[in-house]
């Protein structure tokens, strides 16, 4: 599948985040401000939707969800996080990009809530789509998502 085709598959579908690791440890995606849905087994469904305008709402990690921008080139994807939105004006404004040390070494209380999430998301990821599975990999992070088929399933017997 070409990278153009993969981008279209990213945008044309919603994805359910099913797991991830950071430096080999499981990531617990716990958004503190989002109403959530559960599957039939009671597991919380964390959705990802890559918008055509390159915006995305990333699930919080012991924090509120994070509004970000995403860009892709070839088989790489990058999330950029607006620091003004999460710093309440007490932190140097700008955009957190992969490798930006400001995202990792904040001493402001307002930003501490988001440090772990920024450490995880502010990376360049290689991504692959295989059938209904989306895999995102960086040096320290691995994320897995599956295509959200809930809408398809609602209408399959009609």
Protein backbone atom coordinates (compact mmCIF):
# COMPACT_ATOMS: atom_id res chain seq x y z
CA UNK A 1 0.00 0.00 0.00
CA UNK A 2 1.42 3.40 -0.91
CA UNK A 3 1.95 6.10 1.71
CA UNK A 4 -0.73 8.21 0.02
CA UNK A 5 -3.10 5.26 0.30
CA UNK A 6 -2.13 4.71 3.93
CA UNK A 7 -2.84 8.38 4.72
CA UNK A 8 -6.29 7.99 3.19
CA UNK A 9 -6.93 4.88 5.32
CA UNK A 10 -5.84 6.84 8.44
CA UNK A 11 -8.23 9.70 7.69
CA UNK A 12 -11.16 7.64 6.39
CA UNK A 13 -11.42 5.55 9.56
CA UNK A 14 -11.69 5.90 13.30
CA UNK A 15 -9.33 3.75 15.34
CA UNK A 16 -9.64 2.18 18.78
CA UNK A 17 -6.42 2.34 20.75
CA UNK A 18 -5.92 -1.14 22.20
CA UNK A 19 -2.54 -0.78 23.88
CA UNK A 20 0.88 0.68 24.06
CA UNK A 21 4.25 0.60 25.75
CA UNK A 22 6.74 3.31 26.70
CA UNK A 23 10.29 2.10 27.27
CA UNK A 24 8.90 -1.42 27.62
CA UNK A 25 6.26 -0.56 30.25
CA UNK A 26 2.53 -0.70 29.57
CA UNK A 27 0.85 2.69 29.06
CA UNK A 28 -2.36 3.26 30.98
CA UNK A 29 -4.53 5.57 28.89
CA UNK A 30 -6.63 7.30 31.54
CA UNK A 31 -8.28 10.48 30.32
CA UNK A 32 -9.46 12.59 33.23
CA UNK A 33 -11.97 14.74 31.34
CA UNK A 34 -13.61 12.56 28.73
CA UNK A 35 -16.92 10.80 28.81
CA UNK A 36 -16.12 7.32 27.63
CA UNK A 37 -17.69 4.24 26.17
CA UNK A 38 -16.93 0.67 27.11
CA UNK A 39 -17.00 -2.48 25.05
CA UNK A 40 -19.10 -5.51 25.96
CA UNK A 41 -16.31 -6.67 28.31
CA UNK A 42 -16.24 -3.37 30.21
CA UNK A 43 -12.95 -2.13 28.71
CA UNK A 44 -12.81 1.61 28.06
CA UNK A 45 -12.70 2.47 24.35
CA UNK A 46 -10.05 5.09 23.54
CA UNK A 47 -10.62 6.41 20.03
CA UNK A 48 -8.26 8.08 17.59
CA UNK A 49 -9.56 10.00 14.60
CA UNK A 50 -7.02 11.48 12.19
CA UNK A 51 -8.91 14.48 10.76
CA UNK A 52 -8.40 15.64 7.19
CA UNK A 53 -7.31 19.05 8.56
CA UNK A 54 -4.51 17.22 10.44
CA UNK A 55 -5.94 17.67 13.92
CA UNK A 56 -6.33 14.86 16.43
CA UNK A 57 -7.47 14.43 20.02
CA UNK A 58 -4.99 12.15 21.78
CA UNK A 59 -6.17 10.15 24.82
CA UNK A 60 -4.88 11.49 28.10
CA UNK A 61 -2.44 9.53 30.20
CA UNK A 62 -3.50 10.43 33.74
CA UNK A 63 -4.41 13.80 32.22
CA UNK A 64 -7.01 15.52 30.16
CA UNK A 65 -7.04 14.62 26.49
CA UNK A 66 -4.57 16.51 24.32
CA UNK A 67 -5.43 18.42 21.17
CA UNK A 68 -2.63 18.06 18.66
CA UNK A 69 -1.77 18.36 15.00
CA UNK A 70 -0.44 15.45 13.02
CA UNK A 71 1.62 15.33 9.88
CA UNK A 72 2.77 12.41 7.83
CA UNK A 73 5.52 11.91 5.31
CA UNK A 74 6.06 8.52 3.76
CA UNK A 75 5.53 5.99 6.53
CA UNK A 76 6.28 8.46 9.36
CA UNK A 77 3.82 10.40 11.46
CA UNK A 78 4.48 13.19 13.94
CA UNK A 79 2.23 14.77 16.59
CA UNK A 80 2.76 18.47 17.42
CA UNK A 81 1.30 19.75 20.69
CA UNK A 82 0.51 23.43 21.30
CA UNK A 83 2.17 24.33 24.61
CA UNK A 84 0.01 27.46 25.10
CA UNK A 85 -3.07 25.30 25.49
CA UNK A 86 -1.52 23.28 28.30
CA UNK A 87 0.71 25.81 30.07
CA UNK A 88 -1.86 28.40 31.17
CA UNK A 89 0.57 31.10 29.97
CA UNK A 90 3.24 30.39 32.62
CA UNK A 91 5.46 28.37 30.31
CA UNK A 92 7.44 29.38 27.28
CA UNK A 93 4.87 29.25 24.45
CA UNK A 94 5.50 27.26 21.36
CA UNK A 95 4.88 23.93 19.76
CA UNK A 96 6.23 20.71 21.25
CA UNK A 97 7.93 18.76 18.54
CA UNK A 98 9.69 15.42 18.79
CA UNK A 99 12.77 15.70 20.96
CA UNK A 100 11.75 19.05 22.47
CA UNK A 101 13.21 19.01 25.99
CA UNK A 102 10.75 21.66 27.21
CA UNK A 103 8.04 19.01 27.08
CA UNK A 104 9.98 16.77 29.43
CA UNK A 105 11.50 19.06 32.04
CA UNK A 106 8.73 21.38 33.12
CA UNK A 107 8.57 22.60 36.69
CA UNK A 108 5.22 24.38 36.28
CA UNK A 109 2.27 22.75 38.02
CA UNK A 110 0.02 23.49 35.05
CA UNK A 111 2.17 21.44 32.70
CA UNK A 112 3.05 18.54 35.01
CA UNK A 113 -0.33 16.92 34.35
CA UNK A 114 0.64 16.56 30.68
CA UNK A 115 4.33 15.66 30.97
CA UNK A 116 3.88 11.91 30.68
CA UNK A 117 1.55 12.23 27.69
CA UNK A 118 3.90 14.67 25.96
CA UNK A 119 6.85 12.37 26.57
CA UNK A 120 4.94 9.61 24.84
CA UNK A 121 3.27 11.49 21.98
CA UNK A 122 5.95 14.05 21.03
CA UNK A 123 7.91 11.60 18.88
CA UNK A 124 8.35 10.70 15.26
CA UNK A 125 6.56 7.41 14.70
CA UNK A 126 6.84 4.92 11.91
CA UNK A 127 3.37 3.70 11.13
CA UNK A 128 1.98 0.65 9.41
CA UNK A 129 -1.53 -0.35 8.51
CA UNK A 130 -2.17 -4.02 8.00
CA UNK A 131 -5.80 -4.95 7.36
CA UNK A 132 -7.62 -3.51 10.37
CA UNK A 133 -4.58 -2.84 12.56
CA UNK A 134 -2.64 0.42 12.92
CA UNK A 135 0.82 0.18 14.49
CA UNK A 136 2.85 3.22 15.54
CA UNK A 137 6.47 2.69 16.57
CA UNK A 138 9.25 5.01 17.75
CA UNK A 139 12.47 4.31 19.60
CA UNK A 140 10.69 4.27 22.98
CA UNK A 141 6.98 3.94 22.18
CA UNK A 142 4.78 1.30 20.59
CA UNK A 143 1.06 1.96 20.06
CA UNK A 144 -1.56 -0.37 18.57
CA UNK A 145 -5.04 0.44 17.36
CA UNK A 146 -7.73 -1.41 15.44
CA UNK A 147 -10.20 -0.04 12.94
CA UNK A 148 -13.41 1.00 14.69
CA UNK A 149 -16.10 -1.22 13.16
CA UNK A 150 -18.91 -0.31 15.60
CA UNK A 151 -20.89 1.63 12.97
CA UNK A 152 -20.46 -1.18 10.42
CA UNK A 153 -21.62 -3.70 13.03
CA UNK A 154 -24.80 -1.71 13.81
CA UNK A 155 -25.98 -2.02 10.21
CA UNK A 156 -24.70 -5.47 9.25
CA UNK A 157 -28.03 -7.26 9.78
CA UNK A 158 -30.22 -4.65 8.04
